[in-house]
Amino acid sequence: MYYLSKNLYFPDVSQANRDGILAIGGDLSVERLLLAYKSGIFPWFEQGDPILWWSPNPRMVLFLDELIVSKSMRNILNKNSFTVTFNKIFRDVISNCQKVKRDGQNGTWITNDMIEAYVKLHEIGIAKSVEVWQNDKLVGGLYGIDLGQVFCGESMFSLVSNASKVAFIALVEKLKKENYKLVDCQVYNPHLESLGCREIERNAFMKILQEN
């Protein structure tokens, strides 16, 4: 495992261990986060722990044409009971992602420092959010890093049934129109698999990322 210094540097992703951990330490500066995502790396750690930088193999992704929208989900979308916006209240979205309880997790990896770091990325147009509303109330959403033709999804939340799926589907439809290549979903998740996401080799992911 590589220990980062103040120098703005990451080792090649091939140096990651079996779990996908590549490096430890460093900071959450805008410059380092940008370098990380452009290099196929992302931070993931818990409050009180040192920063861990990951590049897992395989990598969970969604090729946009492979999105699965079930019949029941189409019925929900056709009812127009949800309204979707983009980049309206980024801080509220990431804060809700921090608070939501997840199965098998005692705490959250979205620390207060992470929130401030990603808000800075949002202010320069790199971190983006999707908001889902019901009766003028925020009920779901997601956020991630926009690299141009690759969108790196970070986290999502849902306060009512299916709201996070609505956010994800709306994002994918928007990215399709703008000729993006894929959504990076980082690691396996059965919820994402149900939407069409699948694992690919890290080398294949890196090739797409480097072509971006």
C-alpha atoms as a PDB file:
ATOM      1  CA  MET A   1       0.000   0.000   0.000  1.00  0.00           C
ATOM      2  CA  TYR A   2       1.336   3.416  -0.970  1.00  0.00           C
ATOM      3  CA  TYR A   3       1.494   6.176   1.663  1.00  0.00           C
ATOM      4  CA  LEU A   4       0.753   9.546   0.127  1.00  0.00           C
ATOM      5  CA  SER A   5       2.801  12.637   0.927  1.00  0.00           C
ATOM      6  CA  LYS A   6       1.969  16.281   0.236  1.00  0.00           C
ATOM      7  CA  ASN A   7       3.016  15.720  -3.368  1.00  0.00           C
ATOM      8  CA  LEU A   8       0.113  15.473  -5.799  1.00  0.00           C
ATOM      9  CA  TYR A   9       0.639  11.892  -6.933  1.00  0.00           C
ATOM     10  CA  PHE A  10      -1.042   8.479  -7.080  1.00  0.00           C
ATOM     11  CA  PRO A  11       0.590   5.168  -7.984  1.00  0.00           C
ATOM     12  CA  ASP A  12      -0.719   3.168 -10.926  1.00  0.00           C
ATOM     13  CA  VAL A  13      -4.016   1.445 -10.164  1.00  0.00           C
ATOM     14  CA  SER A  14      -2.408  -1.926 -10.847  1.00  0.00           C
ATOM     15  CA  GLN A  15      -0.661  -1.513  -7.477  1.00  0.00           C
ATOM     16  CA  ALA A  16      -3.957  -1.808  -5.555  1.00  0.00           C
ATOM     17  CA  ASN A  17      -4.275  -4.800  -3.227  1.00  0.00           C
ATOM     18  CA  ARG A  18      -6.863  -7.583  -3.600  1.00  0.00           C
ATOM     19  CA  ASP A  19      -9.496  -5.515  -1.828  1.00  0.00           C
ATOM     20  CA  GLY A  20      -8.899  -2.588  -4.168  1.00  0.00           C
ATOM     21  CA  ILE A  21      -7.051  -0.324  -1.723  1.00  0.00           C
ATOM     22  CA  LEU A  22      -4.337   1.592  -3.529  1.00  0.00           C
ATOM     23  CA  ALA A  23      -3.078   4.281  -1.154  1.00  0.00           C
ATOM     24  CA  ILE A  24      -3.518   5.846   2.252  1.00  0.00           C
ATOM     25  CA  GLY A  25      -3.243   9.422   3.492  1.00  0.00           C
ATOM     26  CA  GLY A  26      -3.077  12.632   1.530  1.00  0.00           C
ATOM     27  CA  ASP A  27      -5.946  15.105   1.630  1.00  0.00           C
ATOM     28  CA  LEU A  28      -9.312  15.927   0.084  1.00  0.00           C
ATOM     29  CA  SER A  29      -8.208  18.984  -1.839  1.00  0.00           C
ATOM     30  CA  VAL A  30      -9.937  19.789  -5.108  1.00  0.00           C
ATOM     31  CA  GLU A  31      -6.704  19.103  -7.003  1.00  0.00           C
ATOM     32  CA  ARG A  32      -6.145  15.682  -5.434  1.00  0.00           C
ATOM     33  CA  LEU A  33      -9.753  14.600  -5.857  1.00  0.00           C
ATOM     34  CA  LEU A  34      -9.718  15.593  -9.527  1.00  0.00           C
ATOM     35  CA  LEU A  35      -6.490  13.679 -10.092  1.00  0.00           C
ATOM     36  CA  ALA A  36      -7.938  10.667  -8.309  1.00  0.00           C
ATOM     37  CA  TYR A  37     -11.125  10.426 -10.351  1.00  0.00           C
ATOM     38  CA  LYS A  38      -9.321  11.036 -13.622  1.00  0.00           C
ATOM     39  CA  SER A  39      -6.977   8.200 -12.634  1.00  0.00           C
ATOM     40  CA  GLY A  40      -9.748   5.705 -11.795  1.00  0.00           C
ATOM     41  CA  ILE A  41      -9.383   6.188  -8.030  1.00  0.00           C
ATOM     42  CA  PHE A  42     -11.843   7.309  -5.345  1.00  0.00           C
ATOM     43  CA  PRO A  43     -11.735   7.943  -1.561  1.00  0.00           C
ATOM     44  CA  TRP A  44     -13.705   5.692   0.783  1.00  0.00           C
ATOM     45  CA  PHE A  45     -13.130   5.665   4.539  1.00  0.00           C
ATOM     46  CA  GLU A  46     -14.950   6.105   7.836  1.00  0.00           C
ATOM     47  CA  GLN A  47     -14.927   9.010  10.270  1.00  0.00           C
ATOM     48  CA  GLY A  48     -11.772   8.960  12.387  1.00  0.00           C
ATOM     49  CA  ASP A  49      -9.841   6.725   9.995  1.00  0.00           C
ATOM     50  CA  PRO A  50      -7.089   7.869   7.600  1.00  0.00           C
ATOM     51  CA  ILE A  51      -8.142   8.560   4.021  1.00  0.00           C
ATOM     52  CA  LEU A  52      -8.167   5.384   1.942  1.00  0.00           C
ATOM     53  CA  TRP A  53      -7.979   5.528  -1.854  1.00  0.00           C
ATOM     54  CA  TRP A  54      -9.517   2.707  -3.870  1.00  0.00           C
ATOM     55  CA  SER A  55      -9.401   1.278  -7.370  1.00  0.00           C
ATOM     56  CA  PRO A  56     -11.245  -2.054  -7.208  1.00  0.00           C
ATOM     57  CA  ASN A  57     -11.031  -4.896  -9.690  1.00  0.00           C
ATOM     58  CA  PRO A  58     -13.572  -5.686 -11.075  1.00  0.00           C
ATOM     59  CA  ARG A  59     -15.350  -2.353 -11.439  1.00  0.00           C
ATOM     60  CA  MET A  60     -19.129  -1.940 -11.343  1.00  0.00           C
ATOM     61  CA  VAL A  61     -20.392   0.193 -14.244  1.00  0.00           C
ATOM     62  CA  LEU A  62     -23.478   0.904 -16.294  1.00  0.00           C
ATOM     63  CA  PHE A  63     -23.228   1.112 -20.052  1.00  0.00           C
ATOM     64  CA  LEU A  64     -26.066   3.510 -20.739  1.00  0.00           C
ATOM     65  CA  ASP A  65     -27.827   1.350 -23.320  1.00  0.00           C
ATOM     66  CA  GLU A  66     -27.997  -1.486 -20.775  1.00  0.00           C
ATOM     67  CA  LEU A  67     -30.232   0.377 -18.314  1.00  0.00           C
ATOM     68  CA  ILE A  68     -33.052  -1.859 -17.085  1.00  0.00           C
ATOM     69  CA  VAL A  69     -36.360  -0.192 -16.257  1.00  0.00           C
ATOM     70  CA  SER A  70     -38.856  -2.758 -15.005  1.00  0.00           C
ATOM     71  CA  LYS A  71     -42.511  -2.690 -15.996  1.00  0.00           C
ATOM     72  CA  SER A  72     -43.506  -1.676 -12.477  1.00  0.00           C
ATOM     73  CA  MET A  73     -40.952   1.118 -12.526  1.00  0.00           C
ATOM     74  CA  ARG A  74     -42.246   2.350 -15.873  1.00  0.00           C
ATOM     75  CA  ASN A  75     -45.731   2.477 -14.382  1.00  0.00           C
ATOM     76  CA  ILE A  76     -44.411   4.593 -11.511  1.00  0.00           C
ATOM     77  CA  LEU A  77     -42.648   6.966 -13.908  1.00  0.00           C
ATOM     78  CA  ASN A  78     -45.762   7.266 -16.075  1.00  0.00           C
ATOM     79  CA  LYS A  79     -47.792   8.435 -13.080  1.00  0.00           C
ATOM     80  CA  ASN A  80     -45.611  11.567 -12.906  1.00  0.00           C
ATOM     81  CA  SER A  81     -45.796  11.585  -9.121  1.00  0.00           C
ATOM     82  CA  PHE A  82     -42.138  12.628  -8.942  1.00  0.00           C
ATOM     83  CA  THR A  83     -40.389  15.736 -10.245  1.00  0.00           C
ATOM     84  CA  VAL A  84     -36.668  15.634 -11.069  1.00  0.00           C
ATOM     85  CA  THR A  85     -34.199  18.524 -11.043  1.00  0.00           C
ATOM     86  CA  PHE A  86     -30.448  18.730 -11.535  1.00  0.00           C
ATOM     87  CA  ASN A  87     -27.867  20.633  -9.483  1.00  0.00           C
ATOM     88  CA  LYS A  88     -30.379  22.670  -7.506  1.00  0.00           C
ATOM     89  CA  ILE A  89     -29.456  21.803  -3.914  1.00  0.00           C
ATOM     90  CA  PHE A  90     -26.245  19.795  -3.993  1.00  0.00           C
ATOM     91  CA  ARG A  91     -25.447  20.220  -0.295  1.00  0.00           C
ATOM     92  CA  ASP A  92     -28.887  18.949   0.711  1.00  0.00           C
ATOM     93  CA  VAL A  93     -28.452  15.867  -1.471  1.00  0.00           C
ATOM     94  CA  ILE A  94     -25.036  14.889  -0.133  1.00  0.00           C
ATOM     95  CA  SER A  95     -26.187  15.622   3.439  1.00  0.00           C
ATOM     96  CA  ASN A  96     -29.134  13.270   2.992  1.00  0.00           C
ATOM     97  CA  CYS A  97     -26.790  10.617   1.575  1.00  0.00           C
ATOM     98  CA  GLN A  98     -24.718  11.009   4.753  1.00  0.00           C
ATOM     99  CA  LYS A  99     -27.717  10.549   7.067  1.00  0.00           C
ATOM    100  CA  VAL A 100     -29.474   7.614   5.413  1.00  0.00           C
ATOM    101  CA  LYS A 101     -29.096   4.271   7.184  1.00  0.00           C
ATOM    102  CA  ARG A 102     -27.789   1.415   5.068  1.00  0.00           C
ATOM    103  CA  ASP A 103     -27.991  -2.313   5.660  1.00  0.00           C
ATOM    104  CA  GLY A 104     -24.805  -3.744   7.116  1.00  0.00           C
ATOM    105  CA  GLN A 105     -23.278  -0.345   7.916  1.00  0.00           C
ATOM    106  CA  ASN A 106     -23.040   1.093  11.416  1.00  0.00           C
ATOM    107  CA  GLY A 107     -21.960   4.533  10.270  1.00  0.00           C
ATOM    108  CA  THR A 108     -21.307   6.538   7.137  1.00  0.00           C
ATOM    109  CA  TRP A 109     -18.270   7.034   4.933  1.00  0.00           C
ATOM    110  CA  ILE A 110     -19.511  10.505   3.980  1.00  0.00           C
ATOM    111  CA  THR A 111     -17.724  12.518   6.648  1.00  0.00           C
ATOM    112  CA  ASN A 112     -18.231  16.231   7.224  1.00  0.00           C
ATOM    113  CA  ASP A 113     -14.850  16.847   5.564  1.00  0.00           C
ATOM    114  CA  MET A 114     -16.044  14.854   2.552  1.00  0.00           C
ATOM    115  CA  ILE A 115     -19.155  16.994   2.292  1.00  0.00           C
ATOM    116  CA  GLU A 116     -17.148  20.220   2.287  1.00  0.00           C
ATOM    117  CA  ALA A 117     -14.689  18.820  -0.266  1.00  0.00           C
ATOM    118  CA  TYR A 118     -17.432  17.755  -2.680  1.00  0.00           C
ATOM    119  CA  VAL A 119     -19.325  21.017  -2.237  1.00  0.00           C
ATOM    120  CA  LYS A 120     -16.148  22.744  -3.462  1.00  0.00           C
ATOM    121  CA  LEU A 121     -16.122  20.404  -6.467  1.00  0.00           C
ATOM    122  CA  HIS A 122     -19.761  21.281  -7.082  1.00  0.00           C
ATOM    123  CA  GLU A 123     -18.954  24.986  -7.006  1.00  0.00           C
ATOM    124  CA  ILE A 124     -16.536  24.543  -9.903  1.00  0.00           C
ATOM    125  CA  GLY A 125     -19.000  22.402 -11.873  1.00  0.00           C
ATOM    126  CA  ILE A 126     -17.400  18.989 -11.324  1.00  0.00           C
ATOM    127  CA  ALA A 127     -19.607  17.413  -8.646  1.00  0.00           C
ATOM    128  CA  LYS A 128     -23.271  17.246  -9.656  1.00  0.00           C
ATOM    129  CA  SER A 129     -26.552  16.207  -8.119  1.00  0.00           C
ATOM    130  CA  VAL A 130     -29.950  14.866  -9.092  1.00  0.00           C
ATOM    131  CA  GLU A 131     -32.916  15.792  -6.900  1.00  0.00           C
ATOM    132  CA  VAL A 132     -36.240  13.964  -6.749  1.00  0.00           C
ATOM    133  CA  TRP A 133     -39.273  15.779  -5.391  1.00  0.00           C
ATOM    134  CA  GLN A 134     -42.740  14.709  -4.333  1.00  0.00           C
ATOM    135  CA  ASN A 135     -45.294  17.353  -3.375  1.00  0.00           C
ATOM    136  CA  ASP A 136     -42.491  19.938  -3.289  1.00  0.00           C
ATOM    137  CA  LYS A 137     -40.516  17.868  -0.769  1.00  0.00           C
ATOM    138  CA  LEU A 138     -37.067  16.418  -1.441  1.00  0.00           C
ATOM    139  CA  VAL A 139     -37.534  12.647  -1.233  1.00  0.00           C
ATOM    140  CA  GLY A 140     -34.512  11.237  -3.061  1.00  0.00           C
ATOM    141  CA  GLY A 141     -31.436  11.940  -5.098  1.00  0.00           C
ATOM    142  CA  LEU A 142     -27.860  11.139  -5.924  1.00  0.00           C
ATOM    143  CA  TYR A 143     -24.549  12.881  -6.537  1.00  0.00           C
ATOM    144  CA  GLY A 144     -21.319  12.144  -8.331  1.00  0.00           C
ATOM    145  CA  ILE A 145     -18.361  13.435 -10.296  1.00  0.00           C
ATOM    146  CA  ASP A 146     -18.768  14.479 -13.916  1.00  0.00           C
ATOM    147  CA  LEU A 147     -15.659  13.726 -15.991  1.00  0.00           C
ATOM    148  CA  GLY A 148     -17.152  14.570 -19.354  1.00  0.00           C
ATOM    149  CA  GLN A 149     -18.179  11.298 -20.974  1.00  0.00           C
ATOM    150  CA  VAL A 150     -17.967   9.307 -17.751  1.00  0.00           C
ATOM    151  CA  PHE A 151     -20.099  10.063 -14.687  1.00  0.00           C
ATOM    152  CA  CYS A 152     -18.735   8.669 -11.423  1.00  0.00           C
ATOM    153  CA  GLY A 153     -21.672   7.938  -9.155  1.00  0.00           C
ATOM    154  CA  GLU A 154     -20.925   8.375  -5.466  1.00  0.00           C
ATOM    155  CA  SER A 155     -24.054   7.860  -3.396  1.00  0.00           C
ATOM    156  CA  MET A 156     -27.836   8.005  -3.500  1.00  0.00           C
ATOM    157  CA  PHE A 157     -30.652   8.233  -0.996  1.00  0.00           C
ATOM    158  CA  SER A 158     -34.370   7.591  -0.895  1.00  0.00           C
ATOM    159  CA  LEU A 159     -36.874   8.789   1.700  1.00  0.00           C
ATOM    160  CA  VAL A 160     -39.816   7.183  -0.112  1.00  0.00           C
ATOM    161  CA  SER A 161     -39.983   3.999  -2.125  1.00  0.00           C
ATOM    162  CA  ASN A 162     -38.307   4.106  -5.560  1.00  0.00           C
ATOM    163  CA  ALA A 163     -37.087   7.730  -5.316  1.00  0.00           C
ATOM    164  CA  SER A 164     -33.426   6.806  -5.750  1.00  0.00           C
ATOM    165  CA  LYS A 165     -34.302   4.680  -8.794  1.00  0.00           C
ATOM    166  CA  VAL A 166     -36.123   7.660 -10.295  1.00  0.00           C
ATOM    167  CA  ALA A 167     -32.977   9.760  -9.758  1.00  0.00           C
ATOM    168  CA  PHE A 168     -30.743   7.137 -11.355  1.00  0.00           C
ATOM    169  CA  ILE A 169     -32.992   6.614 -14.374  1.00  0.00           C
ATOM    170  CA  ALA A 170     -33.314  10.375 -14.904  1.00  0.00           C
ATOM    171  CA  LEU A 171     -29.536  10.738 -14.754  1.00  0.00           C
ATOM    172  CA  VAL A 172     -28.962   7.968 -17.294  1.00  0.00           C
ATOM    173  CA  GLU A 173     -31.526   9.406 -19.698  1.00  0.00           C
ATOM    174  CA  LYS A 174     -29.841  12.796 -19.462  1.00  0.00           C
ATOM    175  CA  LEU A 175     -26.370  11.310 -20.018  1.00  0.00           C
ATOM    176  CA  LYS A 176     -27.617   9.375 -23.045  1.00  0.00           C
ATOM    177  CA  LYS A 177     -28.787  12.591 -24.685  1.00  0.00           C
ATOM    178  CA  GLU A 178     -25.378  14.138 -24.019  1.00  0.00           C
ATOM    179  CA  ASN A 179     -23.480  11.148 -25.506  1.00  0.00           C
ATOM    180  CA  TYR A 180     -21.801   9.929 -22.342  1.00  0.00           C
ATOM    181  CA  LYS A 181     -20.230   6.474 -22.348  1.00  0.00           C
ATOM    182  CA  LEU A 182     -20.996   5.055 -18.928  1.00  0.00           C
ATOM    183  CA  VAL A 183     -21.747   5.552 -15.252  1.00  0.00           C
ATOM    184  CA  ASP A 184     -19.038   4.376 -12.872  1.00  0.00           C
ATOM    185  CA  CYS A 185     -20.737   2.657  -9.915  1.00  0.00           C
ATOM    186  CA  GLN A 186     -17.447   1.600  -8.276  1.00  0.00           C
ATOM    187  CA  VAL A 187     -18.308  -1.646  -6.442  1.00  0.00           C
ATOM    188  CA  TYR A 188     -20.946  -4.365  -6.745  1.00  0.00           C
ATOM    189  CA  ASN A 189     -24.387  -3.601  -5.378  1.00  0.00           C
ATOM    190  CA  PRO A 190     -27.467  -5.793  -5.999  1.00  0.00           C
ATOM    191  CA  HIS A 191     -29.708  -2.713  -6.200  1.00  0.00           C
ATOM    192  CA  LEU A 192     -27.572  -1.344  -9.027  1.00  0.00           C
ATOM    193  CA  GLU A 193     -27.373  -4.749 -10.705  1.00  0.00           C
ATOM    194  CA  SER A 194     -31.179  -4.745 -10.922  1.00  0.00           C
ATOM    195  CA  LEU A 195     -30.880  -1.531 -12.957  1.00  0.00           C
ATOM    196  CA  GLY A 196     -28.481  -3.063 -15.471  1.00  0.00           C
ATOM    197  CA  CYS A 197     -25.109  -2.333 -13.917  1.00  0.00           C
ATOM    198  CA  ARG A 198     -22.433  -5.002 -14.230  1.00  0.00           C
ATOM    199  CA  GLU A 199     -18.833  -5.660 -13.320  1.00  0.00           C
ATOM    200  CA  ILE A 200     -16.015  -5.294 -15.836  1.00  0.00           C
ATOM    201  CA  GLU A 201     -12.274  -5.728 -15.520  1.00  0.00           C
ATOM    202  CA  ARG A 202     -10.445  -2.699 -14.162  1.00  0.00           C
ATOM    203  CA  ASN A 203      -8.248  -2.590 -17.270  1.00  0.00           C
ATOM    204  CA  ALA A 204     -11.335  -2.271 -19.455  1.00  0.00           C
ATOM    205  CA  PHE A 205     -12.667   0.532 -17.260  1.00  0.00           C
ATOM    206  CA  MET A 206      -9.322   2.350 -17.331  1.00  0.00           C
ATOM    207  CA  LYS A 207      -9.190   2.138 -21.122  1.00  0.00           C
ATOM    208  CA  ILE A 208     -12.607   3.833 -21.378  1.00  0.00           C
ATOM    209  CA  LEU A 209     -11.592   6.431 -18.807  1.00  0.00           C
ATOM    210  CA  GLN A 210      -8.338   7.241 -20.614  1.00  0.00           C
ATOM    211  CA  GLU A 211     -10.175   7.613 -23.920  1.00  0.00           C
ATOM    212  CA  ASN A 212     -12.435  10.200 -22.307  1.00  0.00           C
END
